[in-house]
Amino acid sequence: MPMVTVSISPVQAAGIRDAVDSGGYASSSEVVREALRLWDAARKLGEYKDEVLAGESHAGSGRCVADMFADHEAVRRRTA
């Protein structure tokens, strides 16, 4: 599998550690892959495109991959 280096905030790193420590994921790589799958699905559904067309920057919209991942985790915990 290709290796990619990224920088994340301490808060994001803590969230990844919490997801692994709680047993929801086997590794931090698994958490990041899931987040990327969610981002890709959202992008394909046009959410990102709709924000851009509406003139909102992604950062200014308050929504980011971490937000989408947090939403996904909350739903997953409620349905577990």
PDB file of N, CA and C in Angstrom:
ATOM      1  N   MET A   1       0.848  -1.173   0.000  1.00  0.00           N
ATOM      2  CA  MET A   1       0.000   0.000   0.000  1.00  0.00           C
ATOM      3  C   MET A   1       0.894   1.236   0.000  1.00  0.00           C
ATOM      4  N   PRO A   2       0.565   2.251  -0.793  1.00  0.00           N
ATOM      5  CA  PRO A   2       1.401   3.461  -0.822  1.00  0.00           C
ATOM      6  C   PRO A   2       1.406   4.158   0.532  1.00  0.00           C
ATOM      7  N   MET A   3       2.524   4.760   0.845  1.00  0.00           N
ATOM      8  CA  MET A   3       2.673   5.490   2.099  1.00  0.00           C
ATOM      9  C   MET A   3       2.585   6.982   1.805  1.00  0.00           C
ATOM     10  N   VAL A   4       1.783   7.704   2.579  1.00  0.00           N
ATOM     11  CA  VAL A   4       1.613   9.137   2.432  1.00  0.00           C
ATOM     12  C   VAL A   4       1.783   9.763   3.809  1.00  0.00           C
ATOM     13  N   THR A   5       2.494  10.864   3.858  1.00  0.00           N
ATOM     14  CA  THR A   5       2.668  11.578   5.117  1.00  0.00           C
ATOM     15  C   THR A   5       1.784  12.811   5.103  1.00  0.00           C
ATOM     16  N   VAL A   6       1.019  12.994   6.168  1.00  0.00           N
ATOM     17  CA  VAL A   6       0.158  14.169   6.292  1.00  0.00           C
ATOM     18  C   VAL A   6       0.355  14.775   7.673  1.00  0.00           C
ATOM     19  N   SER A   7       0.005  16.044   7.797  1.00  0.00           N
ATOM     20  CA  SER A   7       0.040  16.716   9.092  1.00  0.00           C
ATOM     21  C   SER A   7      -1.390  16.906   9.565  1.00  0.00           C
ATOM     22  N   ILE A   8      -1.632  16.583  10.835  1.00  0.00           N
ATOM     23  CA  ILE A   8      -2.948  16.785  11.431  1.00  0.00           C
ATOM     24  C   ILE A   8      -2.774  17.512  12.750  1.00  0.00           C
ATOM     25  N   SER A   9      -3.846  18.084  13.230  1.00  0.00           N
ATOM     26  CA  SER A   9      -3.788  18.824  14.484  1.00  0.00           C
ATOM     27  C   SER A   9      -3.712  17.846  15.662  1.00  0.00           C
ATOM     28  N   PRO A  10      -3.257  18.318  16.809  1.00  0.00           N
ATOM     29  CA  PRO A  10      -3.256  17.469  18.005  1.00  0.00           C
ATOM     30  C   PRO A  10      -4.661  16.964  18.357  1.00  0.00           C
ATOM     31  N   VAL A  11      -5.665  17.785  18.128  1.00  0.00           N
ATOM     32  CA  VAL A  11      -7.043  17.371  18.413  1.00  0.00           C
ATOM     33  C   VAL A  11      -7.453  16.223  17.484  1.00  0.00           C
ATOM     34  N   GLN A  12      -7.089  16.329  16.225  1.00  0.00           N
ATOM     35  CA  GLN A  12      -7.399  15.257  15.283  1.00  0.00           C
ATOM     36  C   GLN A  12      -6.664  13.974  15.658  1.00  0.00           C
ATOM     37  N   ALA A  13      -5.404  14.106  16.040  1.00  0.00           N
ATOM     38  CA  ALA A  13      -4.621  12.928  16.446  1.00  0.00           C
ATOM     39  C   ALA A  13      -5.255  12.262  17.665  1.00  0.00           C
ATOM     40  N   ALA A  14      -5.714  13.078  18.616  1.00  0.00           N
ATOM     41  CA  ALA A  14      -6.365  12.529  19.811  1.00  0.00           C
ATOM     42  C   ALA A  14      -7.657  11.816  19.433  1.00  0.00           C
ATOM     43  N   GLY A  15      -8.404  12.375  18.500  1.00  0.00           N
ATOM     44  CA  GLY A  15      -9.632  11.730  18.047  1.00  0.00           C
ATOM     45  C   GLY A  15      -9.366  10.382  17.398  1.00  0.00           C
ATOM     46  N   ILE A  16      -8.307  10.317  16.618  1.00  0.00           N
ATOM     47  CA  ILE A  16      -7.923   9.044  15.994  1.00  0.00           C
ATOM     48  C   ILE A  16      -7.532   8.036  17.063  1.00  0.00           C
ATOM     49  N   ARG A  17      -6.714   8.469  18.030  1.00  0.00           N
ATOM     50  CA  ARG A  17      -6.311   7.566  19.126  1.00  0.00           C
ATOM     51  C   ARG A  17      -7.526   7.075  19.902  1.00  0.00           C
ATOM     52  N   ASP A  18      -8.472   7.971  20.172  1.00  0.00           N
ATOM     53  CA  ASP A  18      -9.686   7.581  20.896  1.00  0.00           C
ATOM     54  C   ASP A  18     -10.488   6.539  20.123  1.00  0.00           C
ATOM     55  N   ALA A  19     -10.590   6.714  18.802  1.00  0.00           N
ATOM     56  CA  ALA A  19     -11.329   5.757  17.983  1.00  0.00           C
ATOM     57  C   ALA A  19     -10.692   4.369  18.045  1.00  0.00           C
ATOM     58  N   VAL A  20      -9.372   4.329  18.062  1.00  0.00           N
ATOM     59  CA  VAL A  20      -8.663   3.045  18.144  1.00  0.00           C
ATOM     60  C   VAL A  20      -8.761   2.483  19.559  1.00  0.00           C
ATOM     61  N   ASP A  21      -8.516   3.333  20.560  1.00  0.00           N
ATOM     62  CA  ASP A  21      -8.540   2.879  21.955  1.00  0.00           C
ATOM     63  C   ASP A  21      -9.915   2.370  22.383  1.00  0.00           C
ATOM     64  N   SER A  22     -10.971   2.936  21.801  1.00  0.00           N
ATOM     65  CA  SER A  22     -12.328   2.505  22.164  1.00  0.00           C
ATOM     66  C   SER A  22     -12.694   1.171  21.507  1.00  0.00           C
ATOM     67  N   GLY A  23     -11.824   0.695  20.615  1.00  0.00           N
ATOM     68  CA  GLY A  23     -12.065  -0.589  19.973  1.00  0.00           C
ATOM     69  C   GLY A  23     -12.849  -0.505  18.674  1.00  0.00           C
ATOM     70  N   GLY A  24     -13.185   0.707  18.264  1.00  0.00           N
ATOM     71  CA  GLY A  24     -13.947   0.858  17.025  1.00  0.00           C
ATOM     72  C   GLY A  24     -13.134   0.569  15.784  1.00  0.00           C
ATOM     73  N   TYR A  25     -11.833   0.738  15.896  1.00  0.00           N
ATOM     74  CA  TYR A  25     -10.930   0.530  14.768  1.00  0.00           C
ATOM     75  C   TYR A  25      -9.687  -0.198  15.254  1.00  0.00           C
ATOM     76  N   ALA A  26      -9.082  -0.963  14.368  1.00  0.00           N
ATOM     77  CA  ALA A  26      -7.889  -1.730  14.717  1.00  0.00           C
ATOM     78  C   ALA A  26      -6.622  -0.881  14.689  1.00  0.00           C
ATOM     79  N   SER A  27      -6.620   0.185  13.897  1.00  0.00           N
ATOM     80  CA  SER A  27      -5.412   1.001  13.773  1.00  0.00           C
ATOM     81  C   SER A  27      -5.777   2.415  13.348  1.00  0.00           C
ATOM     82  N   SER A  28      -4.823   3.316  13.526  1.00  0.00           N
ATOM     83  CA  SER A  28      -5.041   4.689  13.079  1.00  0.00           C
ATOM     84  C   SER A  28      -5.182   4.741  11.561  1.00  0.00           C
ATOM     85  N   SER A  29      -4.486   3.883  10.858  1.00  0.00           N
ATOM     86  CA  SER A  29      -4.613   3.837   9.398  1.00  0.00           C
ATOM     87  C   SER A  29      -6.041   3.493   8.982  1.00  0.00           C
ATOM     88  N   GLU A  30      -6.662   2.588   9.724  1.00  0.00           N
ATOM     89  CA  GLU A  30      -8.038   2.213   9.425  1.00  0.00           C
ATOM     90  C   GLU A  30      -8.979   3.412   9.621  1.00  0.00           C
ATOM     91  N   VAL A  31      -8.745   4.199  10.664  1.00  0.00           N
ATOM     92  CA  VAL A  31      -9.558   5.394  10.919  1.00  0.00           C
ATOM     93  C   VAL A  31      -9.420   6.372   9.754  1.00  0.00           C
ATOM     94  N   VAL A  32      -8.199   6.624   9.337  1.00  0.00           N
ATOM     95  CA  VAL A  32      -7.959   7.581   8.257  1.00  0.00           C
ATOM     96  C   VAL A  32      -8.544   7.077   6.948  1.00  0.00           C
ATOM     97  N   ARG A  33      -8.403   5.792   6.671  1.00  0.00           N
ATOM     98  CA  ARG A  33      -8.993   5.248   5.439  1.00  0.00           C
ATOM     99  C   ARG A  33     -10.510   5.406   5.444  1.00  0.00           C
ATOM    100  N   GLU A  34     -11.140   5.165   6.606  1.00  0.00           N
ATOM    101  CA  GLU A  34     -12.591   5.355   6.705  1.00  0.00           C
ATOM    102  C   GLU A  34     -12.969   6.815   6.486  1.00  0.00           C
ATOM    103  N   ALA A  35     -12.206   7.731   7.074  1.00  0.00           N
ATOM    104  CA  ALA A  35     -12.470   9.162   6.889  1.00  0.00           C
ATOM    105  C   ALA A  35     -12.346   9.540   5.413  1.00  0.00           C
ATOM    106  N   LEU A  36     -11.352   9.002   4.744  1.00  0.00           N
ATOM    107  CA  LEU A  36     -11.176   9.296   3.318  1.00  0.00           C
ATOM    108  C   LEU A  36     -12.293   8.702   2.481  1.00  0.00           C
ATOM    109  N   ARG A  37     -12.767   7.515   2.856  1.00  0.00           N
ATOM    110  CA  ARG A  37     -13.913   6.932   2.137  1.00  0.00           C
ATOM    111  C   ARG A  37     -15.145   7.818   2.302  1.00  0.00           C
ATOM    112  N   LEU A  38     -15.359   8.323   3.518  1.00  0.00           N
ATOM    113  CA  LEU A  38     -16.500   9.219   3.758  1.00  0.00           C
ATOM    114  C   LEU A  38     -16.371  10.505   2.957  1.00  0.00           C
ATOM    115  N   TRP A  39     -15.175  11.067   2.937  1.00  0.00           N
ATOM    116  CA  TRP A  39     -14.928  12.281   2.163  1.00  0.00           C
ATOM    117  C   TRP A  39     -15.200  12.025   0.692  1.00  0.00           C
ATOM    118  N   ASP A  40     -14.711  10.906   0.191  1.00  0.00           N
ATOM    119  CA  ASP A  40     -14.898  10.593  -1.221  1.00  0.00           C
ATOM    120  C   ASP A  40     -16.376  10.400  -1.542  1.00  0.00           C
ATOM    121  N   ALA A  41     -17.101   9.723  -0.657  1.00  0.00           N
ATOM    122  CA  ALA A  41     -18.536   9.524  -0.876  1.00  0.00           C
ATOM    123  C   ALA A  41     -19.269  10.861  -0.876  1.00  0.00           C
ATOM    124  N   ALA A  42     -18.937  11.731   0.053  1.00  0.00           N
ATOM    125  CA  ALA A  42     -19.574  13.053   0.116  1.00  0.00           C
ATOM    126  C   ALA A  42     -19.262  13.855  -1.133  1.00  0.00           C
ATOM    127  N   ARG A  43     -18.022  13.779  -1.551  1.00  0.00           N
ATOM    128  CA  ARG A  43     -17.614  14.498  -2.763  1.00  0.00           C
ATOM    129  C   ARG A  43     -18.383  13.985  -3.963  1.00  0.00           C
ATOM    130  N   LYS A  44     -18.521  12.682  -4.054  1.00  0.00           N
ATOM    131  CA  LYS A  44     -19.236  12.090  -5.190  1.00  0.00           C
ATOM    132  C   LYS A  44     -20.717  12.442  -5.153  1.00  0.00           C
ATOM    133  N   LEU A  45     -21.261  12.631  -3.988  1.00  0.00           N
ATOM    134  CA  LEU A  45     -22.672  13.010  -3.879  1.00  0.00           C
ATOM    135  C   LEU A  45     -22.905  14.481  -4.191  1.00  0.00           C
ATOM    136  N   GLY A  46     -21.811  15.204  -4.353  1.00  0.00           N
ATOM    137  CA  GLY A  46     -21.937  16.581  -4.761  1.00  0.00           C
ATOM    138  C   GLY A  46     -21.985  17.587  -3.633  1.00  0.00           C
ATOM    139  N   GLU A  47     -21.819  17.132  -2.388  1.00  0.00           N
ATOM    140  CA  GLU A  47     -21.867  18.080  -1.277  1.00  0.00           C
ATOM    141  C   GLU A  47     -20.762  19.129  -1.408  1.00  0.00           C
ATOM    142  N   TYR A  48     -19.575  18.689  -1.713  1.00  0.00           N
ATOM    143  CA  TYR A  48     -18.470  19.629  -1.843  1.00  0.00           C
ATOM    144  C   TYR A  48     -18.721  20.579  -3.011  1.00  0.00           C
ATOM    145  N   LYS A  49     -19.164  20.029  -4.124  1.00  0.00           N
ATOM    146  CA  LYS A  49     -19.432  20.845  -5.307  1.00  0.00           C
ATOM    147  C   LYS A  49     -20.526  21.862  -5.021  1.00  0.00           C
ATOM    148  N   ASP A  50     -21.573  21.461  -4.298  1.00  0.00           N
ATOM    149  CA  ASP A  50     -22.662  22.371  -3.972  1.00  0.00           C
ATOM    150  C   ASP A  50     -22.169  23.537  -3.115  1.00  0.00           C
ATOM    151  N   GLU A  51     -21.272  23.276  -2.180  1.00  0.00           N
ATOM    152  CA  GLU A  51     -20.731  24.350  -1.344  1.00  0.00           C
ATOM    153  C   GLU A  51     -19.935  25.337  -2.193  1.00  0.00           C
ATOM    154  N   VAL A  52     -19.135  24.819  -3.087  1.00  0.00           N
ATOM    155  CA  VAL A  52     -18.317  25.688  -3.934  1.00  0.00           C
ATOM    156  C   VAL A  52     -19.213  26.526  -4.837  1.00  0.00           C
ATOM    157  N   LEU A  53     -20.206  25.902  -5.441  1.00  0.00           N
ATOM    158  CA  LEU A  53     -21.107  26.632  -6.330  1.00  0.00           C
ATOM    159  C   LEU A  53     -21.913  27.687  -5.577  1.00  0.00           C
ATOM    160  N   ALA A  54     -22.168  27.440  -4.300  1.00  0.00           N
ATOM    161  CA  ALA A  54     -22.908  28.410  -3.492  1.00  0.00           C
ATOM    162  C   ALA A  54     -22.003  29.545  -3.027  1.00  0.00           C
ATOM    163  N   GLY A  55     -20.724  29.471  -3.364  1.00  0.00           N
ATOM    164  CA  GLY A  55     -19.794  30.527  -3.012  1.00  0.00           C
ATOM    165  C   GLY A  55     -19.188  30.403  -1.636  1.00  0.00           C
ATOM    166  N   GLU A  56     -19.385  29.271  -0.980  1.00  0.00           N
ATOM    167  CA  GLU A  56     -18.803  29.069   0.344  1.00  0.00           C
ATOM    168  C   GLU A  56     -17.479  28.347   0.193  1.00  0.00           C
ATOM    169  N   SER A  57     -16.466  28.839   0.891  1.00  0.00           N
ATOM    170  CA  SER A  57     -15.224  28.071   0.929  1.00  0.00           C
ATOM    171  C   SER A  57     -15.454  26.906   1.872  1.00  0.00           C
ATOM    172  N   HIS A  58     -14.747  25.828   1.657  1.00  0.00           N
ATOM    173  CA  HIS A  58     -14.914  24.655   2.519  1.00  0.00           C
ATOM    174  C   HIS A  58     -14.583  24.998   3.962  1.00  0.00           C
ATOM    175  N   ALA A  59     -13.518  25.764   4.162  1.00  0.00           N
ATOM    176  CA  ALA A  59     -13.134  26.137   5.525  1.00  0.00           C
ATOM    177  C   ALA A  59     -14.184  27.042   6.149  1.00  0.00           C
ATOM    178  N   GLY A  60     -14.743  27.958   5.376  1.00  0.00           N
ATOM    179  CA  GLY A  60     -15.729  28.875   5.905  1.00  0.00           C
ATOM    180  C   GLY A  60     -17.075  28.235   6.191  1.00  0.00           C
ATOM    181  N   SER A  61     -17.322  27.079   5.612  1.00  0.00           N
ATOM    182  CA  SER A  61     -18.608  26.431   5.799  1.00  0.00           C
ATOM    183  C   SER A  61     -18.695  25.731   7.142  1.00  0.00           C
ATOM    184  N   GLY A  62     -17.555  25.543   7.802  1.00  0.00           N
ATOM    185  CA  GLY A  62     -17.565  24.840   9.072  1.00  0.00           C
ATOM    186  C   GLY A  62     -17.575  23.334   8.916  1.00  0.00           C
ATOM    187  N   ARG A  63     -17.639  22.837   7.699  1.00  0.00           N
ATOM    188  CA  ARG A  63     -17.658  21.398   7.457  1.00  0.00           C
ATOM    189  C   ARG A  63     -16.320  20.975   6.881  1.00  0.00           C
ATOM    190  N   CYS A  64     -15.794  19.925   7.398  1.00  0.00           N
ATOM    191  CA  CYS A  64     -14.552  19.370   6.876  1.00  0.00           C
ATOM    192  C   CYS A  64     -14.621  17.867   7.029  1.00  0.00           C
ATOM    193  N   VAL A  65     -13.625  17.176   6.581  1.00  0.00           N
ATOM    194  CA  VAL A  65     -13.601  15.720   6.680  1.00  0.00           C
ATOM    195  C   VAL A  65     -13.729  15.291   8.137  1.00  0.00           C
ATOM    196  N   ALA A  66     -13.060  16.013   9.036  1.00  0.00           N
ATOM    197  CA  ALA A  66     -13.138  15.659  10.454  1.00  0.00           C
ATOM    198  C   ALA A  66     -14.569  15.784  10.969  1.00  0.00           C
ATOM    199  N   ASP A  67     -15.292  16.819  10.530  1.00  0.00           N
ATOM    200  CA  ASP A  67     -16.687  16.982  10.940  1.00  0.00           C
ATOM    201  C   ASP A  67     -17.549  15.834  10.412  1.00  0.00           C
ATOM    202  N   MET A  68     -17.341  15.497   9.139  1.00  0.00           N
ATOM    203  CA  MET A  68     -18.116  14.402   8.565  1.00  0.00           C
ATOM    204  C   MET A  68     -17.795  13.101   9.277  1.00  0.00           C
ATOM    205  N   PHE A  69     -16.532  12.893   9.614  1.00  0.00           N
ATOM    206  CA  PHE A  69     -16.138  11.683  10.316  1.00  0.00           C
ATOM    207  C   PHE A  69     -16.775  11.640  11.699  1.00  0.00           C
ATOM    208  N   ALA A  70     -16.781  12.769  12.404  1.00  0.00           N
ATOM    209  CA  ALA A  70     -17.397  12.835  13.730  1.00  0.00           C
ATOM    210  C   ALA A  70     -18.879  12.511  13.638  1.00  0.00           C
ATOM    211  N   ASP A  71     -19.558  13.037  12.626  1.00  0.00           N
ATOM    212  CA  ASP A  71     -20.968  12.727  12.425  1.00  0.00           C
ATOM    213  C   ASP A  71     -21.158  11.229  12.189  1.00  0.00           C
ATOM    214  N   HIS A  72     -20.314  10.665  11.342  1.00  0.00           N
ATOM    215  CA  HIS A  72     -20.379   9.236  11.043  1.00  0.00           C
ATOM    216  C   HIS A  72     -20.171   8.415  12.314  1.00  0.00           C
ATOM    217  N   GLU A  73     -19.182   8.787  13.121  1.00  0.00           N
ATOM    218  CA  GLU A  73     -18.904   8.077  14.369  1.00  0.00           C
ATOM    219  C   GLU A  73     -20.094   8.158  15.323  1.00  0.00           C
ATOM    220  N   ALA A  74     -20.716   9.320  15.414  1.00  0.00           N
ATOM    221  CA  ALA A  74     -21.860   9.481  16.305  1.00  0.00           C
ATOM    222  C   ALA A  74     -23.007   8.559  15.884  1.00  0.00           C
ATOM    223  N   VAL A  75     -23.267   8.494  14.598  1.00  0.00           N
ATOM    224  CA  VAL A  75     -24.323   7.608  14.090  1.00  0.00           C
ATOM    225  C   VAL A  75     -23.951   6.158  14.367  1.00  0.00           C
ATOM    226  N   ARG A  76     -22.692   5.829  14.117  1.00  0.00           N
ATOM    227  CA  ARG A  76     -22.238   4.438  14.325  1.00  0.00           C
ATOM    228  C   ARG A  76     -22.377   4.021  15.779  1.00  0.00           C
ATOM    229  N   ARG A  77     -22.058   4.932  16.706  1.00  0.00           N
ATOM    230  CA  ARG A  77     -22.182   4.625  18.137  1.00  0.00           C
ATOM    231  C   ARG A  77     -23.641   4.450  18.528  1.00  0.00           C
ATOM    232  N   ARG A  78     -24.525   5.298  17.971  1.00  0.00           N
ATOM    233  CA  ARG A  78     -25.952   5.200  18.312  1.00  0.00           C
ATOM    234  C   ARG A  78     -26.576   3.904  17.800  1.00  0.00           C
ATOM    235  N   THR A  79     -26.096   3.412  16.685  1.00  0.00           N
ATOM    236  CA  THR A  79     -26.687   2.207  16.094  1.00  0.00           C
ATOM    237  C   THR A  79     -25.974   0.932  16.500  1.00  0.00           C
ATOM    238  N   ALA A  80     -24.910   1.038  17.286  1.00  0.00           N
ATOM    239  CA  ALA A  80     -24.143  -0.148  17.696  1.00  0.00           C
ATOM    240  C   ALA A  80     -24.836  -0.880  18.828  1.00  0.00           C
TER     241      ALA A  80
END
